[in-house]
């Protein structure tokens, strides 16, 4: 049975870093993939031109991964938490209602303030009431750098309890990441291609295959 899958990403590139291989795999299987981008490089901290570049990069990446629908909320980066909570909850909740997904992939509440705020809103939007009743799987993905910069045991540690085999999709993930020329640094940058490859190899070997992506399952129903 084909599923509707929603990936909620704080910024353009987080979705590919955290779940790009899984998105490509689900797309290959014929599932419908939607991505909601909550924030971006907008004034006052960035130029509008910076944001437009990242949106173009994201759309190219989405095409490679097989994303069929996307929406950009245009909240300035690092300022998601300055929006009224009910406004962010409503905007994310409206998209959840529009897509009515069976699977939702959320950012892990890590070092980046936007990631934490978006995670909290996703938890509200995906409650098992109304549109949330149709969600069969809710899971959080890790984002290289931010997820691994939490203060261990003081803040939440990312411990995957679901690993997706992306051995056949790793090249697509890398190709999609290459679209983000304005975002992805060279090695030894924490989000470099080398780091992405290394994490995928590590997660894969944790589960017995070559390349993987780790998730923490929050809620799953049968």
N, C-alpha and C. Protein backbone atom coordinates (compact mmCIF):
# COMPACT_ATOMS: atom_id res chain seq x y z
N UNK A 1 0.84 -1.20 0.00
CA UNK A 1 0.00 0.00 0.00
C UNK A 1 0.87 1.25 0.00
N UNK A 2 0.56 2.17 -0.90
CA UNK A 2 1.34 3.39 -1.00
C UNK A 2 0.98 4.34 0.15
N UNK A 3 2.00 5.01 0.67
CA UNK A 3 1.83 5.89 1.82
C UNK A 3 2.06 7.35 1.44
N UNK A 4 1.49 8.25 2.25
CA UNK A 4 1.82 9.66 2.17
C UNK A 4 2.81 9.95 3.30
N UNK A 5 3.96 10.45 2.93
CA UNK A 5 5.06 10.65 3.87
C UNK A 5 5.39 12.14 3.94
N UNK A 6 5.44 12.67 5.15
CA UNK A 6 5.75 14.08 5.35
C UNK A 6 7.07 14.20 6.11
N UNK A 7 8.00 14.96 5.55
CA UNK A 7 9.27 15.25 6.19
C UNK A 7 9.26 16.73 6.56
N UNK A 8 9.41 17.02 7.84
CA UNK A 8 9.40 18.41 8.31
C UNK A 8 10.84 18.79 8.63
N UNK A 9 11.32 19.85 7.99
CA UNK A 9 12.71 20.25 8.13
C UNK A 9 12.81 21.70 8.59
N UNK A 10 13.64 21.98 9.59
CA UNK A 10 13.79 23.36 10.04
C UNK A 10 14.34 24.28 8.96
N UNK A 11 15.35 23.81 8.22
CA UNK A 11 16.02 24.62 7.19
C UNK A 11 16.26 23.78 5.94
N UNK A 12 16.42 24.43 4.80
CA UNK A 12 16.81 23.68 3.61
C UNK A 12 18.18 23.02 3.84
N UNK A 13 18.25 21.75 3.63
CA UNK A 13 19.39 20.82 3.71
C UNK A 13 19.27 19.86 4.87
N UNK A 14 18.54 20.24 5.96
CA UNK A 14 18.39 19.32 7.08
C UNK A 14 17.70 18.03 6.66
N UNK A 15 16.71 18.15 5.78
CA UNK A 15 15.97 16.97 5.34
C UNK A 15 16.86 15.98 4.59
N UNK A 16 17.79 16.53 3.79
CA UNK A 16 18.67 15.66 3.01
C UNK A 16 19.77 15.08 3.89
N UNK A 17 20.31 15.90 4.77
CA UNK A 17 21.32 15.42 5.71
C UNK A 17 20.76 14.30 6.59
N UNK A 18 19.55 14.49 7.10
CA UNK A 18 19.00 13.54 8.04
C UNK A 18 18.27 12.36 7.43
N UNK A 19 17.60 12.59 6.31
CA UNK A 19 16.72 11.55 5.77
C UNK A 19 16.74 11.45 4.26
N UNK A 20 17.77 12.00 3.62
CA UNK A 20 17.79 12.01 2.15
C UNK A 20 17.73 10.63 1.53
N UNK A 21 18.48 9.69 2.07
CA UNK A 21 18.45 8.33 1.53
C UNK A 21 17.11 7.66 1.74
N UNK A 22 16.51 7.91 2.90
CA UNK A 22 15.20 7.33 3.21
C UNK A 22 14.12 7.93 2.32
N UNK A 23 14.20 9.24 2.09
CA UNK A 23 13.26 9.88 1.17
C UNK A 23 13.36 9.25 -0.21
N UNK A 24 14.59 9.08 -0.71
CA UNK A 24 14.79 8.48 -2.02
C UNK A 24 14.27 7.04 -2.06
N UNK A 25 14.49 6.30 -0.98
CA UNK A 25 14.03 4.91 -0.92
C UNK A 25 12.51 4.84 -0.95
N UNK A 26 11.85 5.68 -0.13
CA UNK A 26 10.39 5.70 -0.13
C UNK A 26 9.85 6.11 -1.50
N UNK A 27 10.51 7.07 -2.13
CA UNK A 27 10.09 7.50 -3.46
C UNK A 27 10.23 6.36 -4.47
N UNK A 28 11.35 5.64 -4.38
CA UNK A 28 11.56 4.49 -5.28
C UNK A 28 10.46 3.45 -5.12
N UNK A 29 9.92 3.36 -3.92
CA UNK A 29 8.87 2.37 -3.64
C UNK A 29 7.48 2.86 -4.04
N UNK A 30 7.42 4.09 -4.57
CA UNK A 30 6.15 4.61 -5.07
C UNK A 30 5.35 5.42 -4.08
N UNK A 31 5.92 5.70 -2.90
CA UNK A 31 5.20 6.50 -1.92
C UNK A 31 5.24 7.98 -2.29
N UNK A 32 4.29 8.74 -1.81
CA UNK A 32 4.20 10.19 -2.07
C UNK A 32 4.93 10.94 -0.97
N UNK A 33 5.91 11.75 -1.34
CA UNK A 33 6.75 12.45 -0.37
C UNK A 33 6.47 13.96 -0.41
N UNK A 34 6.20 14.53 0.75
CA UNK A 34 6.05 15.99 0.88
C UNK A 34 7.06 16.49 1.90
N UNK A 35 7.59 17.69 1.66
CA UNK A 35 8.56 18.29 2.58
C UNK A 35 8.06 19.69 2.97
N UNK A 36 8.05 19.94 4.27
CA UNK A 36 7.72 21.26 4.79
C UNK A 36 9.00 21.89 5.34
N UNK A 37 9.41 23.03 4.76
CA UNK A 37 10.60 23.75 5.21
C UNK A 37 10.13 24.93 6.06
N UNK A 38 10.44 24.89 7.33
CA UNK A 38 9.88 25.87 8.26
C UNK A 38 10.62 27.20 8.22
N UNK A 39 11.94 27.17 8.17
CA UNK A 39 12.74 28.38 8.32
C UNK A 39 13.76 28.48 7.18
N UNK A 40 14.48 29.60 7.14
CA UNK A 40 15.49 29.79 6.10
C UNK A 40 16.33 31.02 6.34
N UNK A 41 17.32 31.21 5.50
CA UNK A 41 18.29 32.31 5.64
C UNK A 41 17.69 33.62 5.13
N UNK A 42 16.91 34.24 6.00
CA UNK A 42 16.18 35.47 5.68
C UNK A 42 16.67 36.62 6.54
N UNK A 43 16.39 37.87 6.13
CA UNK A 43 16.68 39.02 7.00
C UNK A 43 15.97 38.84 8.34
N UNK A 44 16.57 39.36 9.43
CA UNK A 44 17.64 40.36 9.45
C UNK A 44 19.06 39.79 9.48
N UNK A 45 19.23 38.50 9.71
CA UNK A 45 20.58 37.95 9.81
C UNK A 45 21.20 37.66 8.46
N UNK A 46 20.37 37.42 7.45
CA UNK A 46 20.86 37.07 6.11
C UNK A 46 20.19 37.96 5.07
N UNK A 47 20.72 37.92 3.89
CA UNK A 47 20.11 38.67 2.78
C UNK A 47 19.00 37.83 2.16
N UNK A 48 18.00 38.51 1.59
CA UNK A 48 16.93 37.80 0.89
C UNK A 48 17.51 36.95 -0.24
N UNK A 49 18.58 37.46 -0.87
CA UNK A 49 19.21 36.70 -1.95
C UNK A 49 19.76 35.37 -1.47
N UNK A 50 20.26 35.34 -0.24
CA UNK A 50 20.77 34.09 0.33
C UNK A 50 19.64 33.06 0.44
N UNK A 51 18.50 33.54 0.86
CA UNK A 51 17.35 32.65 1.00
C UNK A 51 16.92 32.09 -0.35
N UNK A 52 16.84 32.96 -1.34
CA UNK A 52 16.41 32.52 -2.67
C UNK A 52 17.37 31.47 -3.23
N UNK A 53 18.65 31.65 -2.99
CA UNK A 53 19.64 30.66 -3.44
C UNK A 53 19.37 29.32 -2.78
N UNK A 54 19.14 29.33 -1.47
CA UNK A 54 18.92 28.06 -0.75
C UNK A 54 17.63 27.38 -1.18
N UNK A 55 16.61 28.16 -1.53
CA UNK A 55 15.35 27.57 -2.00
C UNK A 55 15.56 26.88 -3.35
N UNK A 56 16.31 27.53 -4.24
CA UNK A 56 16.61 26.91 -5.54
C UNK A 56 17.41 25.63 -5.35
N UNK A 57 18.36 25.67 -4.42
CA UNK A 57 19.15 24.47 -4.14
C UNK A 57 18.26 23.36 -3.60
N UNK A 58 17.35 23.72 -2.70
CA UNK A 58 16.45 22.73 -2.11
C UNK A 58 15.57 22.08 -3.17
N UNK A 59 15.04 22.87 -4.07
CA UNK A 59 14.15 22.32 -5.09
C UNK A 59 14.89 21.38 -6.03
N UNK A 60 16.16 21.68 -6.31
CA UNK A 60 16.95 20.74 -7.12
C UNK A 60 17.20 19.45 -6.36
N UNK A 61 17.49 19.57 -5.07
CA UNK A 61 17.70 18.38 -4.23
C UNK A 61 16.41 17.56 -4.15
N UNK A 62 15.28 18.23 -3.97
CA UNK A 62 14.00 17.52 -3.88
C UNK A 62 13.72 16.73 -5.15
N UNK A 63 14.05 17.31 -6.28
CA UNK A 63 13.82 16.62 -7.55
C UNK A 63 14.66 15.34 -7.63
N UNK A 64 15.90 15.41 -7.20
CA UNK A 64 16.77 14.24 -7.21
C UNK A 64 16.23 13.15 -6.29
N UNK A 65 15.73 13.55 -5.12
CA UNK A 65 15.27 12.59 -4.13
C UNK A 65 13.88 12.03 -4.43
N UNK A 66 13.12 12.72 -5.28
CA UNK A 66 11.79 12.24 -5.62
C UNK A 66 10.68 12.84 -4.78
N UNK A 67 10.90 14.04 -4.25
CA UNK A 67 9.87 14.75 -3.48
C UNK A 67 8.80 15.27 -4.44
N UNK A 68 7.54 15.02 -4.14
CA UNK A 68 6.46 15.41 -5.05
C UNK A 68 5.81 16.73 -4.68
N UNK A 69 5.96 17.16 -3.41
CA UNK A 69 5.34 18.41 -2.98
C UNK A 69 6.19 19.04 -1.89
N UNK A 70 6.28 20.38 -1.91
CA UNK A 70 7.04 21.07 -0.87
C UNK A 70 6.40 22.42 -0.59
N UNK A 71 6.65 22.90 0.64
CA UNK A 71 6.16 24.22 1.04
C UNK A 71 7.22 24.88 1.92
N UNK A 72 7.38 26.19 1.76
CA UNK A 72 8.36 26.96 2.52
C UNK A 72 7.62 28.02 3.34
N UNK A 73 7.77 27.98 4.66
CA UNK A 73 7.03 28.90 5.52
C UNK A 73 7.68 30.27 5.64
N UNK A 74 8.96 30.38 5.32
CA UNK A 74 9.68 31.65 5.29
C UNK A 74 9.74 32.34 6.66
N UNK A 75 10.08 31.60 7.67
CA UNK A 75 10.37 32.18 8.98
C UNK A 75 11.89 32.37 9.07
N UNK A 76 12.39 33.53 9.49
CA UNK A 76 13.84 33.74 9.53
C UNK A 76 14.57 32.72 10.41
N UNK A 77 15.69 32.24 9.94
CA UNK A 77 16.49 31.27 10.68
C UNK A 77 16.91 31.82 12.03
N UNK A 78 16.93 30.96 13.01
CA UNK A 78 17.24 31.21 14.43
C UNK A 78 16.14 32.00 15.14
N UNK A 79 15.07 32.34 14.41
CA UNK A 79 14.01 33.14 15.00
C UNK A 79 12.66 32.43 15.04
N UNK A 80 12.68 31.12 14.82
CA UNK A 80 11.43 30.38 14.89
C UNK A 80 10.84 30.50 16.29
N UNK A 81 11.72 30.49 17.30
CA UNK A 81 11.26 30.59 18.68
C UNK A 81 10.71 31.95 19.05
N UNK A 82 10.95 32.96 18.21
CA UNK A 82 10.41 34.30 18.48
C UNK A 82 9.00 34.47 17.93
N UNK A 83 8.56 33.49 17.13
CA UNK A 83 7.18 33.53 16.65
C UNK A 83 6.26 33.06 17.77
N UNK A 84 5.04 33.59 17.85
CA UNK A 84 4.10 33.06 18.83
C UNK A 84 3.94 31.55 18.65
N UNK A 85 3.97 30.82 19.75
CA UNK A 85 3.92 29.36 19.68
C UNK A 85 2.71 28.88 18.90
N UNK A 86 1.57 29.52 19.13
CA UNK A 86 0.35 29.05 18.45
C UNK A 86 0.43 29.27 16.95
N UNK A 87 1.20 30.26 16.51
CA UNK A 87 1.33 30.53 15.08
C UNK A 87 2.15 29.43 14.41
N UNK A 88 3.29 29.08 15.00
CA UNK A 88 4.11 28.00 14.44
C UNK A 88 3.35 26.68 14.48
N UNK A 89 2.69 26.41 15.59
CA UNK A 89 1.89 25.18 15.69
C UNK A 89 0.82 25.12 14.61
N UNK A 90 0.16 26.27 14.39
CA UNK A 90 -0.92 26.30 13.39
C UNK A 90 -0.39 26.07 11.99
N UNK A 91 0.74 26.72 11.65
CA UNK A 91 1.28 26.59 10.30
C UNK A 91 1.72 25.16 10.00
N UNK A 92 2.38 24.55 10.98
CA UNK A 92 2.80 23.16 10.77
C UNK A 92 1.59 22.24 10.78
N UNK A 93 0.66 22.51 11.70
CA UNK A 93 -0.55 21.70 11.78
C UNK A 93 -1.39 21.75 10.52
N UNK A 94 -1.45 22.90 9.89
CA UNK A 94 -2.23 23.04 8.66
C UNK A 94 -1.66 22.17 7.54
N UNK A 95 -0.31 22.12 7.47
CA UNK A 95 0.30 21.30 6.42
C UNK A 95 0.09 19.81 6.72
N UNK A 96 0.19 19.45 7.99
CA UNK A 96 -0.10 18.05 8.36
C UNK A 96 -1.52 17.69 7.95
N UNK A 97 -2.46 18.59 8.21
CA UNK A 97 -3.86 18.35 7.83
C UNK A 97 -4.00 18.24 6.32
N UNK A 98 -3.31 19.12 5.57
CA UNK A 98 -3.40 19.10 4.11
C UNK A 98 -2.87 17.80 3.53
N UNK A 99 -1.74 17.31 4.07
CA UNK A 99 -1.11 16.10 3.53
C UNK A 99 -1.77 14.84 4.06
N UNK A 100 -2.24 14.88 5.31
CA UNK A 100 -2.82 13.71 5.98
C UNK A 100 -1.89 12.50 5.85
N UNK A 101 -0.67 12.62 6.38
CA UNK A 101 0.35 11.58 6.15
C UNK A 101 0.15 10.35 7.03
N UNK A 102 0.70 9.24 6.55
CA UNK A 102 0.79 8.04 7.38
C UNK A 102 2.14 7.96 8.11
N UNK A 103 3.16 8.61 7.54
CA UNK A 103 4.49 8.62 8.13
C UNK A 103 4.97 10.07 8.23
N UNK A 104 5.51 10.45 9.39
CA UNK A 104 6.05 11.79 9.58
C UNK A 104 7.48 11.65 10.12
N UNK A 105 8.41 12.36 9.48
CA UNK A 105 9.80 12.40 9.92
C UNK A 105 10.10 13.82 10.41
N UNK A 106 10.58 13.91 11.64
CA UNK A 106 10.77 15.18 12.33
C UNK A 106 12.23 15.38 12.69
N UNK A 107 12.68 16.64 12.83
CA UNK A 107 14.02 16.86 13.35
C UNK A 107 14.11 16.44 14.81
N UNK A 108 15.29 16.01 15.23
CA UNK A 108 15.56 15.70 16.63
C UNK A 108 15.79 17.03 17.37
N UNK A 109 15.36 17.15 18.64
CA UNK A 109 15.55 18.41 19.39
C UNK A 109 17.00 18.58 19.84
N UNK A 110 17.83 19.12 18.96
CA UNK A 110 19.27 19.16 19.21
C UNK A 110 19.77 20.56 19.52
N UNK A 111 21.05 20.80 19.24
CA UNK A 111 21.73 22.04 19.61
C UNK A 111 21.11 23.28 18.98
N UNK A 112 20.56 23.16 17.77
CA UNK A 112 20.02 24.33 17.08
C UNK A 112 18.65 24.68 17.63
N UNK A 113 18.47 25.92 18.04
CA UNK A 113 17.22 26.35 18.65
C UNK A 113 16.03 26.13 17.72
N UNK A 114 16.21 26.35 16.41
CA UNK A 114 15.12 26.13 15.47
C UNK A 114 14.68 24.67 15.46
N UNK A 115 15.65 23.76 15.55
CA UNK A 115 15.33 22.33 15.54
C UNK A 115 14.46 21.98 16.76
N UNK A 116 14.82 22.55 17.89
CA UNK A 116 14.08 22.24 19.12
C UNK A 116 12.65 22.77 19.04
N UNK A 117 12.51 23.99 18.55
CA UNK A 117 11.17 24.59 18.46
C UNK A 117 10.31 23.84 17.45
N UNK A 118 10.90 23.51 16.31
CA UNK A 118 10.14 22.77 15.29
C UNK A 118 9.72 21.41 15.82
N UNK A 119 10.62 20.73 16.53
CA UNK A 119 10.28 19.43 17.12
C UNK A 119 9.07 19.57 18.04
N UNK A 120 9.06 20.60 18.89
CA UNK A 120 7.94 20.78 19.81
C UNK A 120 6.64 21.00 19.05
N UNK A 121 6.69 21.77 17.98
CA UNK A 121 5.48 22.02 17.20
C UNK A 121 5.02 20.77 16.46
N UNK A 122 5.98 19.98 15.98
CA UNK A 122 5.62 18.73 15.31
C UNK A 122 4.90 17.80 16.29
N UNK A 123 5.38 17.78 17.54
CA UNK A 123 4.74 16.92 18.54
C UNK A 123 3.29 17.34 18.79
N UNK A 124 3.03 18.63 18.68
CA UNK A 124 1.66 19.12 18.83
C UNK A 124 0.84 18.76 17.59
N UNK A 125 1.41 19.01 16.42
CA UNK A 125 0.68 18.82 15.16
C UNK A 125 0.37 17.36 14.86
N UNK A 126 1.16 16.45 15.45
CA UNK A 126 0.99 15.02 15.13
C UNK A 126 0.32 14.24 16.26
N UNK A 127 -0.25 14.94 17.23
CA UNK A 127 -0.97 14.23 18.30
C UNK A 127 -2.05 13.34 17.68
N UNK A 128 -2.33 12.19 18.31
CA UNK A 128 -3.32 11.27 17.72
C UNK A 128 -4.75 11.74 17.89
N UNK A 129 -5.02 12.94 17.36
CA UNK A 129 -6.37 13.48 17.28
C UNK A 129 -6.52 14.07 15.87
N UNK A 130 -7.74 14.11 15.38
CA UNK A 130 -8.03 14.67 14.05
C UNK A 130 -7.10 14.05 13.00
N UNK A 131 -6.36 14.91 12.25
CA UNK A 131 -5.49 14.40 11.18
C UNK A 131 -4.39 13.49 11.73
N UNK A 132 -4.01 13.71 13.00
CA UNK A 132 -2.96 12.90 13.58
C UNK A 132 -3.34 11.45 13.80
N UNK A 133 -4.62 11.13 13.77
CA UNK A 133 -5.07 9.75 13.98
C UNK A 133 -4.60 8.82 12.86
N UNK A 134 -4.32 9.39 11.70
CA UNK A 134 -3.89 8.55 10.58
C UNK A 134 -2.39 8.32 10.53
N UNK A 135 -1.64 8.90 11.47
CA UNK A 135 -0.18 8.75 11.47
C UNK A 135 0.19 7.41 12.08
N UNK A 136 0.82 6.58 11.27
CA UNK A 136 1.21 5.24 11.71
C UNK A 136 2.62 5.20 12.28
N UNK A 137 3.44 6.15 11.84
CA UNK A 137 4.83 6.18 12.30
C UNK A 137 5.30 7.63 12.40
N UNK A 138 5.82 7.98 13.57
CA UNK A 138 6.43 9.29 13.79
C UNK A 138 7.84 9.04 14.30
N UNK A 139 8.83 9.58 13.61
CA UNK A 139 10.22 9.32 13.99
C UNK A 139 11.06 10.58 13.78
N UNK A 140 12.13 10.70 14.58
CA UNK A 140 13.04 11.85 14.50
C UNK A 140 14.34 11.44 13.83
N UNK A 141 14.84 12.31 12.96
CA UNK A 141 16.10 12.05 12.27
C UNK A 141 17.20 12.91 12.89
N UNK A 142 18.45 12.49 12.66
CA UNK A 142 19.60 13.24 13.18
C UNK A 142 20.14 14.16 12.09
N UNK A 143 20.66 15.30 12.50
CA UNK A 143 21.24 16.26 11.57
C UNK A 143 22.71 16.44 11.93
N UNK A 144 23.59 16.02 11.05
CA UNK A 144 25.02 16.13 11.31
C UNK A 144 25.39 17.51 11.82
N UNK A 145 26.24 17.55 12.79
CA UNK A 145 26.72 18.72 13.53
C UNK A 145 25.77 19.03 14.67
N UNK A 146 24.59 19.52 14.36
CA UNK A 146 23.69 20.00 15.42
C UNK A 146 23.30 18.89 16.40
N UNK A 147 22.91 17.73 15.86
CA UNK A 147 22.47 16.64 16.73
C UNK A 147 23.62 16.14 17.60
N UNK A 148 24.83 16.20 17.09
CA UNK A 148 25.97 15.63 17.80
C UNK A 148 26.68 16.65 18.69
N UNK A 149 26.17 17.87 18.75
CA UNK A 149 26.75 18.88 19.61
C UNK A 149 25.95 19.09 20.89
N UNK A 150 24.95 18.25 21.13
CA UNK A 150 24.24 18.33 22.41
C UNK A 150 25.18 17.94 23.54
N UNK A 151 24.89 18.44 24.74
CA UNK A 151 25.67 18.08 25.92
C UNK A 151 25.16 16.75 26.45
N UNK A 152 25.92 15.71 26.22
CA UNK A 152 25.49 14.36 26.55
C UNK A 152 25.01 14.20 27.98
N UNK A 153 23.85 13.55 28.14
CA UNK A 153 23.23 13.22 29.42
C UNK A 153 22.62 14.44 30.11
N UNK A 154 23.04 15.65 29.74
CA UNK A 154 22.39 16.85 30.26
C UNK A 154 21.21 17.18 29.34
N UNK A 155 21.48 17.06 28.03
CA UNK A 155 20.44 17.23 27.02
C UNK A 155 20.17 15.86 26.39
N UNK A 156 19.10 15.74 25.58
CA UNK A 156 18.80 14.44 24.98
C UNK A 156 19.94 13.94 24.09
N UNK A 157 20.25 12.67 24.20
CA UNK A 157 21.19 12.02 23.29
C UNK A 157 20.41 11.38 22.15
N UNK A 158 20.93 11.49 20.92
CA UNK A 158 20.28 10.81 19.81
C UNK A 158 20.72 9.35 19.82
N UNK A 159 19.78 8.45 20.07
CA UNK A 159 20.05 7.02 20.07
C UNK A 159 19.06 6.37 19.11
N UNK A 160 19.49 5.98 17.93
CA UNK A 160 18.55 5.43 16.95
C UNK A 160 18.03 4.06 17.38
N UNK A 161 16.74 3.87 17.16
CA UNK A 161 16.16 2.55 17.36
C UNK A 161 15.51 2.03 16.07
N UNK A 162 15.81 2.72 14.98
CA UNK A 162 15.36 2.31 13.64
C UNK A 162 16.43 2.78 12.66
N UNK A 163 16.97 1.87 11.88
CA UNK A 163 17.98 2.22 10.88
C UNK A 163 17.48 1.76 9.52
N UNK A 164 17.45 2.68 8.57
CA UNK A 164 16.98 2.37 7.21
C UNK A 164 18.18 2.07 6.32
N UNK A 165 18.11 0.98 5.60
CA UNK A 165 19.17 0.60 4.67
C UNK A 165 19.09 1.50 3.44
N UNK A 166 20.10 2.37 3.27
CA UNK A 166 20.11 3.28 2.11
C UNK A 166 21.29 2.96 1.19
N UNK A 167 21.73 1.71 1.22
CA UNK A 167 22.88 1.32 0.39
C UNK A 167 22.65 1.64 -1.08
N UNK A 168 21.44 1.40 -1.56
CA UNK A 168 21.13 1.66 -2.98
C UNK A 168 20.82 3.13 -3.24
N UNK A 169 20.65 3.92 -2.17
CA UNK A 169 20.29 5.33 -2.34
C UNK A 169 21.39 6.29 -1.91
N UNK A 170 22.51 5.80 -1.41
CA UNK A 170 23.54 6.71 -0.89
C UNK A 170 24.05 7.65 -1.95
N UNK A 171 24.19 7.18 -3.18
CA UNK A 171 24.68 8.07 -4.25
C UNK A 171 23.69 9.18 -4.54
N UNK A 172 22.37 8.88 -4.46
CA UNK A 172 21.35 9.91 -4.66
C UNK A 172 21.41 10.93 -3.54
N UNK A 173 21.61 10.44 -2.30
CA UNK A 173 21.71 11.35 -1.16
C UNK A 173 22.88 12.30 -1.36
N UNK A 174 24.02 11.78 -1.75
CA UNK A 174 25.20 12.63 -1.97
C UNK A 174 24.95 13.61 -3.10
N UNK A 175 24.32 13.14 -4.17
CA UNK A 175 24.02 14.04 -5.31
C UNK A 175 23.09 15.16 -4.88
N UNK A 176 22.09 14.84 -4.05
CA UNK A 176 21.16 15.87 -3.56
C UNK A 176 21.89 16.87 -2.67
N UNK A 177 22.78 16.38 -1.82
CA UNK A 177 23.53 17.28 -0.95
C UNK A 177 24.42 18.22 -1.75
N UNK A 178 24.94 17.75 -2.86
CA UNK A 178 25.80 18.59 -3.69
C UNK A 178 25.04 19.79 -4.26
N UNK A 179 23.71 19.70 -4.28
CA UNK A 179 22.91 20.84 -4.74
C UNK A 179 23.04 22.01 -3.77
N UNK A 180 23.31 21.72 -2.49
CA UNK A 180 23.39 22.76 -1.47
C UNK A 180 24.80 23.34 -1.42
N UNK A 181 25.19 23.94 -2.49
CA UNK A 181 26.55 24.50 -2.57
C UNK A 181 26.77 25.60 -1.54
N UNK A 182 25.72 26.32 -1.18
CA UNK A 182 25.86 27.43 -0.24
C UNK A 182 25.88 26.95 1.22
N UNK A 183 25.57 25.68 1.45
CA UNK A 183 25.40 25.19 2.82
C UNK A 183 26.42 24.14 3.26
N UNK A 184 26.88 23.31 2.33
CA UNK A 184 27.70 22.17 2.69
C UNK A 184 29.19 22.53 2.61
N UNK A 185 29.93 22.43 3.72
CA UNK A 185 31.34 22.81 3.73
C UNK A 185 32.24 21.67 3.24
N UNK A 186 33.48 21.99 3.04
CA UNK A 186 34.47 20.96 2.69
C UNK A 186 34.92 20.29 3.98
N UNK A 187 35.55 19.11 3.86
CA UNK A 187 36.12 18.43 5.01
C UNK A 187 37.23 19.31 5.60
N UNK A 188 37.29 19.56 6.88
CA UNK A 188 36.71 18.79 7.97
C UNK A 188 35.42 19.37 8.53
N UNK A 189 34.66 20.04 7.73
CA UNK A 189 33.38 20.57 8.18
C UNK A 189 32.47 19.45 8.65
N UNK A 190 31.69 19.72 9.71
CA UNK A 190 30.85 18.69 10.31
C UNK A 190 29.77 18.18 9.36
N UNK A 191 29.42 18.99 8.35
CA UNK A 191 28.42 18.57 7.37
C UNK A 191 29.04 18.28 6.01
N UNK A 192 30.30 18.04 5.97
CA UNK A 192 30.97 17.78 4.69
C UNK A 192 30.53 16.44 4.11
N UNK A 193 30.78 16.25 2.83
CA UNK A 193 30.44 14.99 2.17
C UNK A 193 31.14 13.82 2.85
N UNK A 194 32.37 14.03 3.29
CA UNK A 194 33.10 12.95 3.96
C UNK A 194 32.41 12.57 5.26
N UNK A 195 31.94 13.57 6.00
CA UNK A 195 31.26 13.30 7.26
C UNK A 195 29.93 12.59 7.02
N UNK A 196 29.20 13.00 5.99
CA UNK A 196 27.93 12.36 5.64
C UNK A 196 28.16 10.89 5.28
N UNK A 197 29.18 10.65 4.46
CA UNK A 197 29.52 9.29 4.07
C UNK A 197 29.90 8.45 5.29
N UNK A 198 30.71 9.03 6.18
CA UNK A 198 31.17 8.29 7.36
C UNK A 198 30.00 7.93 8.28
N UNK A 199 29.08 8.88 8.50
CA UNK A 199 27.94 8.60 9.36
C UNK A 199 27.06 7.51 8.76
N UNK A 200 26.84 7.59 7.44
CA UNK A 200 26.00 6.59 6.78
C UNK A 200 26.63 5.20 6.87
N UNK A 201 27.95 5.13 6.73
CA UNK A 201 28.64 3.85 6.88
C UNK A 201 28.50 3.33 8.32
N UNK A 202 28.67 4.22 9.29
CA UNK A 202 28.57 3.83 10.69
C UNK A 202 27.17 3.34 11.03
N UNK A 203 26.13 4.10 10.66
CA UNK A 203 24.76 3.68 10.94
C UNK A 203 24.44 2.37 10.23
N UNK A 204 24.95 2.22 9.02
CA UNK A 204 24.71 0.97 8.30
C UNK A 204 25.32 -0.22 9.01
N UNK A 205 26.57 -0.07 9.43
CA UNK A 205 27.23 -1.21 10.08
C UNK A 205 26.61 -1.52 11.44
N UNK A 206 25.95 -0.55 12.06
CA UNK A 206 25.24 -0.83 13.31
C UNK A 206 24.10 -1.82 13.09
N UNK A 207 23.61 -1.87 11.85
CA UNK A 207 22.45 -2.71 11.55
C UNK A 207 22.76 -3.82 10.56
N UNK A 208 24.02 -3.92 10.14
CA UNK A 208 24.40 -5.05 9.30
C UNK A 208 24.36 -4.82 7.81
N UNK A 209 24.39 -3.55 7.37
CA UNK A 209 24.48 -3.29 5.94
C UNK A 209 25.45 -2.16 5.69
N UNK A 210 25.63 -1.78 4.42
CA UNK A 210 26.74 -0.89 4.07
C UNK A 210 26.49 0.57 4.45
N UNK A 211 25.30 1.10 4.15
CA UNK A 211 24.99 2.50 4.42
C UNK A 211 23.59 2.59 5.05
N UNK A 212 23.47 3.41 6.07
CA UNK A 212 22.17 3.53 6.73
C UNK A 212 21.90 4.95 7.21
N UNK A 213 20.64 5.19 7.56
CA UNK A 213 20.22 6.43 8.22
C UNK A 213 19.49 6.04 9.50
N UNK A 214 19.87 6.68 10.60
CA UNK A 214 19.29 6.37 11.89
C UNK A 214 18.13 7.28 12.24
N UNK A 215 17.14 6.72 12.89
CA UNK A 215 15.96 7.47 13.35
C UNK A 215 15.62 7.01 14.77
N UNK A 216 14.97 7.88 15.50
CA UNK A 216 14.41 7.48 16.80
C UNK A 216 12.89 7.47 16.66
N UNK A 217 12.31 6.29 16.79
CA UNK A 217 10.86 6.15 16.67
C UNK A 217 10.19 6.74 17.91
N UNK A 218 9.30 7.69 17.68
CA UNK A 218 8.58 8.35 18.76
C UNK A 218 7.26 7.64 19.02
N UNK A 219 6.55 7.33 17.94
CA UNK A 219 5.27 6.63 18.07
C UNK A 219 5.05 5.77 16.83
N UNK A 220 4.59 4.55 17.03
CA UNK A 220 4.31 3.66 15.91
C UNK A 220 3.11 2.81 16.25
N UNK A 221 2.21 2.69 15.30
CA UNK A 221 1.04 1.84 15.50
C UNK A 221 1.00 0.79 14.40
N UNK A 222 0.40 -0.34 14.70
CA UNK A 222 0.30 -1.42 13.73
C UNK A 222 -1.08 -1.50 13.14
